[in-house]
Amino acid sequence: MLRINLLLLLAVIVSALYLVQTQYASRRLFTELDQTITKGRQLETERERLQVEQRAQSAPGRIEHLAQQQGLQAATPAITAYVRDNRGVGEH
């Protein structure tokens, strides 16, 4: 009878230790998941901010203003230089 009681006591202790270890791992994983979700939200906010900034930077009015400041002008046939390849069609 004593052996059975010791065996049962050992089984209870082992199962209790396993339960503690499992709960610890569960809490650690939950904390990691929460941190990952938070980081994902931060990245999504940053992506949206960058998209807004990209749209602002590529606005046609802004590009035209910058081109005028730098003395650039629109391409027209009068200022377009054409390059012709005088080599034969089959030669490379």
N, C-alpha and C. Protein backbone atom coordinates (compact mmCIF):
# COMPACT_ATOMS: atom_id res chain seq x y z
N MET A 1 0.81 -1.19 0.00
CA MET A 1 0.00 0.00 0.00
C MET A 1 0.86 1.26 0.00
N LEU A 2 1.96 1.20 0.69
CA LEU A 2 2.86 2.34 0.78
C LEU A 2 3.45 2.67 -0.60
N ARG A 3 3.77 1.63 -1.36
CA ARG A 3 4.33 1.85 -2.69
C ARG A 3 3.32 2.54 -3.61
N ILE A 4 2.08 2.13 -3.53
CA ILE A 4 1.04 2.74 -4.37
C ILE A 4 0.87 4.21 -3.98
N ASN A 5 0.87 4.50 -2.67
CA ASN A 5 0.74 5.89 -2.21
C ASN A 5 1.93 6.73 -2.68
N LEU A 6 3.14 6.20 -2.61
CA LEU A 6 4.32 6.93 -3.07
C LEU A 6 4.27 7.13 -4.59
N LEU A 7 3.83 6.12 -5.28
CA LEU A 7 3.71 6.22 -6.74
C LEU A 7 2.67 7.27 -7.12
N LEU A 8 1.54 7.28 -6.42
CA LEU A 8 0.51 8.29 -6.69
C LEU A 8 1.00 9.69 -6.33
N LEU A 9 1.71 9.82 -5.22
CA LEU A 9 2.28 11.11 -4.81
C LEU A 9 3.26 11.61 -5.86
N LEU A 10 4.10 10.71 -6.36
CA LEU A 10 5.06 11.07 -7.40
C LEU A 10 4.32 11.50 -8.68
N ALA A 11 3.26 10.80 -9.04
CA ALA A 11 2.47 11.15 -10.22
C ALA A 11 1.83 12.52 -10.06
N VAL A 12 1.32 12.82 -8.87
CA VAL A 12 0.71 14.13 -8.61
C VAL A 12 1.76 15.24 -8.70
N ILE A 13 2.94 15.01 -8.15
CA ILE A 13 4.01 16.01 -8.19
C ILE A 13 4.46 16.25 -9.63
N VAL A 14 4.64 15.17 -10.39
CA VAL A 14 5.05 15.31 -11.79
C VAL A 14 3.99 16.05 -12.59
N SER A 15 2.72 15.71 -12.38
CA SER A 15 1.66 16.40 -13.13
C SER A 15 1.55 17.86 -12.72
N ALA A 16 1.79 18.17 -11.44
CA ALA A 16 1.76 19.55 -10.98
C ALA A 16 2.90 20.35 -11.61
N LEU A 17 4.09 19.76 -11.66
CA LEU A 17 5.23 20.44 -12.28
C LEU A 17 4.98 20.65 -13.78
N TYR A 18 4.40 19.66 -14.43
CA TYR A 18 4.08 19.78 -15.85
C TYR A 18 3.06 20.90 -16.07
N LEU A 19 2.06 20.98 -15.20
CA LEU A 19 1.04 22.02 -15.29
C LEU A 19 1.66 23.41 -15.13
N VAL A 20 2.56 23.56 -14.18
CA VAL A 20 3.23 24.85 -13.97
C VAL A 20 4.05 25.22 -15.20
N GLN A 21 4.77 24.26 -15.73
CA GLN A 21 5.60 24.51 -16.92
C GLN A 21 4.73 24.88 -18.11
N THR A 22 3.60 24.22 -18.28
CA THR A 22 2.70 24.49 -19.39
C THR A 22 2.08 25.88 -19.26
N GLN A 23 1.67 26.24 -18.05
CA GLN A 23 1.11 27.57 -17.84
C GLN A 23 2.15 28.67 -18.09
N TYR A 24 3.37 28.44 -17.67
CA TYR A 24 4.45 29.40 -17.90
C TYR A 24 4.67 29.58 -19.40
N ALA A 25 4.73 28.47 -20.14
CA ALA A 25 4.93 28.54 -21.59
C ALA A 25 3.76 29.24 -22.26
N SER A 26 2.55 28.98 -21.80
CA SER A 26 1.36 29.61 -22.35
C SER A 26 1.40 31.12 -22.14
N ARG A 27 1.75 31.56 -20.95
CA ARG A 27 1.84 32.99 -20.66
C ARG A 27 2.94 33.66 -21.49
N ARG A 28 4.06 32.97 -21.63
CA ARG A 28 5.17 33.52 -22.43
C ARG A 28 4.75 33.67 -23.89
N LEU A 29 4.07 32.66 -24.42
CA LEU A 29 3.61 32.72 -25.80
C LEU A 29 2.54 33.80 -26.00
N PHE A 30 1.65 33.96 -25.01
CA PHE A 30 0.63 35.00 -25.11
C PHE A 30 1.27 36.38 -25.11
N THR A 31 2.28 36.58 -24.26
CA THR A 31 2.99 37.86 -24.22
C THR A 31 3.69 38.12 -25.55
N GLU A 32 4.31 37.11 -26.11
CA GLU A 32 4.98 37.24 -27.40
C GLU A 32 3.98 37.56 -28.51
N LEU A 33 2.83 36.91 -28.48
CA LEU A 33 1.78 37.18 -29.46
C LEU A 33 1.29 38.62 -29.34
N ASP A 34 1.07 39.09 -28.13
CA ASP A 34 0.61 40.46 -27.91
C ASP A 34 1.64 41.47 -28.42
N GLN A 35 2.92 41.21 -28.17
CA GLN A 35 3.97 42.10 -28.67
C GLN A 35 4.03 42.09 -30.19
N THR A 36 3.84 40.94 -30.78
CA THR A 36 3.87 40.83 -32.25
C THR A 36 2.69 41.57 -32.87
N ILE A 37 1.52 41.46 -32.27
CA ILE A 37 0.35 42.18 -32.76
C ILE A 37 0.57 43.68 -32.66
N THR A 38 1.12 44.13 -31.55
CA THR A 38 1.42 45.55 -31.37
C THR A 38 2.41 46.03 -32.43
N LYS A 39 3.45 45.26 -32.67
CA LYS A 39 4.45 45.62 -33.68
C LYS A 39 3.80 45.65 -35.07
N GLY A 40 2.92 44.71 -35.35
CA GLY A 40 2.21 44.69 -36.63
C GLY A 40 1.36 45.93 -36.83
N ARG A 41 0.69 46.37 -35.77
CA ARG A 41 -0.11 47.61 -35.85
C ARG A 41 0.79 48.81 -36.11
N GLN A 42 1.94 48.86 -35.44
CA GLN A 42 2.88 49.96 -35.65
C GLN A 42 3.38 49.97 -37.09
N LEU A 43 3.69 48.80 -37.62
CA LEU A 43 4.17 48.71 -39.00
C LEU A 43 3.08 49.11 -39.99
N GLU A 44 1.85 48.73 -39.72
CA GLU A 44 0.75 49.11 -40.60
C GLU A 44 0.55 50.62 -40.58
N THR A 45 0.64 51.24 -39.42
CA THR A 45 0.53 52.69 -39.30
C THR A 45 1.65 53.37 -40.07
N GLU A 46 2.86 52.85 -39.94
CA GLU A 46 4.01 53.40 -40.65
C GLU A 46 3.83 53.26 -42.16
N ARG A 47 3.32 52.12 -42.61
CA ARG A 47 3.09 51.90 -44.04
C ARG A 47 2.08 52.90 -44.57
N GLU A 48 1.00 53.11 -43.84
CA GLU A 48 -0.01 54.08 -44.26
C GLU A 48 0.58 55.49 -44.32
N ARG A 49 1.40 55.85 -43.35
CA ARG A 49 2.04 57.16 -43.34
C ARG A 49 2.95 57.32 -44.55
N LEU A 50 3.70 56.28 -44.85
CA LEU A 50 4.60 56.34 -46.01
C LEU A 50 3.84 56.42 -47.33
N GLN A 51 2.69 55.76 -47.41
CA GLN A 51 1.88 55.85 -48.62
C GLN A 51 1.35 57.27 -48.82
N VAL A 52 0.91 57.89 -47.73
CA VAL A 52 0.44 59.27 -47.81
C VAL A 52 1.59 60.18 -48.25
N GLU A 53 2.75 59.97 -47.68
CA GLU A 53 3.92 60.77 -48.04
C GLU A 53 4.30 60.55 -49.51
N GLN A 54 4.22 59.31 -49.96
CA GLN A 54 4.54 59.01 -51.36
C GLN A 54 3.57 59.72 -52.30
N ARG A 55 2.28 59.69 -51.96
CA ARG A 55 1.29 60.38 -52.79
C ARG A 55 1.57 61.88 -52.82
N ALA A 56 1.95 62.44 -51.67
CA ALA A 56 2.25 63.87 -51.62
C ALA A 56 3.49 64.20 -52.45
N GLN A 57 4.50 63.36 -52.39
CA GLN A 57 5.74 63.60 -53.13
C GLN A 57 5.54 63.45 -54.64
N SER A 58 4.60 62.62 -55.06
CA SER A 58 4.43 62.36 -56.49
C SER A 58 3.26 63.12 -57.09
N ALA A 59 2.74 64.11 -56.37
CA ALA A 59 1.64 64.91 -56.90
C ALA A 59 2.12 65.68 -58.13
N PRO A 60 1.31 65.69 -59.19
CA PRO A 60 1.74 66.36 -60.42
C PRO A 60 2.11 67.83 -60.23
N GLY A 61 1.38 68.53 -59.40
CA GLY A 61 1.69 69.94 -59.15
C GLY A 61 3.05 70.11 -58.51
N ARG A 62 3.38 69.25 -57.57
CA ARG A 62 4.68 69.33 -56.91
C ARG A 62 5.81 69.03 -57.90
N ILE A 63 5.61 68.02 -58.72
CA ILE A 63 6.64 67.64 -59.70
C ILE A 63 6.84 68.78 -60.70
N GLU A 64 5.75 69.38 -61.14
CA GLU A 64 5.86 70.49 -62.09
C GLU A 64 6.58 71.67 -61.46
N HIS A 65 6.26 71.97 -60.22
CA HIS A 65 6.92 73.06 -59.50
C HIS A 65 8.42 72.81 -59.37
N LEU A 66 8.80 71.60 -59.01
CA LEU A 66 10.22 71.26 -58.89
C LEU A 66 10.93 71.34 -60.24
N ALA A 67 10.26 70.91 -61.30
CA ALA A 67 10.85 70.97 -62.63
C ALA A 67 11.08 72.42 -63.05
N GLN A 68 10.14 73.28 -62.75
CA GLN A 68 10.29 74.70 -63.08
C GLN A 68 11.44 75.32 -62.28
N GLN A 69 11.56 74.95 -61.03
CA GLN A 69 12.65 75.48 -60.19
C GLN A 69 14.01 75.08 -60.75
N GLN A 70 14.10 73.88 -61.30
CA GLN A 70 15.37 73.38 -61.81
C GLN A 70 15.59 73.74 -63.28
N GLY A 71 14.68 74.50 -63.85
CA GLY A 71 14.84 74.93 -65.22
C GLY A 71 14.54 73.85 -66.24
N LEU A 72 13.81 72.85 -65.88
CA LEU A 72 13.46 71.78 -66.82
C LEU A 72 12.24 72.20 -67.62
N GLN A 73 12.10 71.65 -68.79
CA GLN A 73 10.94 71.96 -69.62
C GLN A 73 10.39 70.66 -70.21
N ALA A 74 9.15 70.73 -70.62
CA ALA A 74 8.49 69.55 -71.18
C ALA A 74 9.14 69.17 -72.50
N ALA A 75 9.18 67.90 -72.79
CA ALA A 75 9.75 67.43 -74.05
C ALA A 75 8.79 67.72 -75.19
N THR A 76 9.31 68.35 -76.21
CA THR A 76 8.52 68.64 -77.41
C THR A 76 9.31 68.13 -78.61
N PRO A 77 8.67 67.95 -79.75
CA PRO A 77 9.42 67.50 -80.93
C PRO A 77 10.54 68.46 -81.32
N ALA A 78 10.39 69.74 -80.98
CA ALA A 78 11.40 70.73 -81.35
C ALA A 78 12.70 70.54 -80.57
N ILE A 79 12.61 70.02 -79.35
CA ILE A 79 13.83 69.86 -78.54
C ILE A 79 14.21 68.40 -78.35
N THR A 80 13.54 67.51 -79.07
CA THR A 80 13.82 66.09 -78.93
C THR A 80 14.91 65.68 -79.92
N ALA A 81 15.93 65.01 -79.44
CA ALA A 81 17.01 64.52 -80.30
C ALA A 81 16.74 63.04 -80.56
N TYR A 82 16.71 62.66 -81.81
CA TYR A 82 16.46 61.27 -82.19
C TYR A 82 17.79 60.61 -82.51
N VAL A 83 17.95 59.39 -82.09
CA VAL A 83 19.16 58.63 -82.35
C VAL A 83 18.80 57.51 -83.31
N ARG A 84 19.60 57.37 -84.34
CA ARG A 84 19.32 56.34 -85.33
C ARG A 84 20.48 55.36 -85.34
N ASP A 85 20.17 54.10 -85.43
CA ASP A 85 21.17 53.04 -85.52
C ASP A 85 21.44 52.80 -87.00
N ASN A 86 22.63 53.16 -87.44
CA ASN A 86 22.97 53.03 -88.85
C ASN A 86 23.49 51.64 -89.21
N ARG A 87 23.64 50.78 -88.24
CA ARG A 87 24.08 49.41 -88.53
C ARG A 87 22.97 48.66 -89.22
N GLY A 88 23.34 47.58 -89.87
CA GLY A 88 22.37 46.74 -90.56
C GLY A 88 21.41 46.10 -89.56
N VAL A 89 20.29 45.66 -90.05
CA VAL A 89 19.26 45.07 -89.20
C VAL A 89 19.76 43.81 -88.54
N GLY A 90 20.50 42.97 -89.25
CA GLY A 90 20.95 41.69 -88.71
C GLY A 90 22.24 41.78 -87.88
N GLU A 91 22.89 42.90 -87.88
CA GLU A 91 24.17 43.03 -87.17
C GLU A 91 23.93 43.50 -85.74
N HIS A 92 24.80 42.96 -84.83
CA HIS A 92 24.72 43.40 -83.43
C HIS A 92 26.09 43.50 -82.87
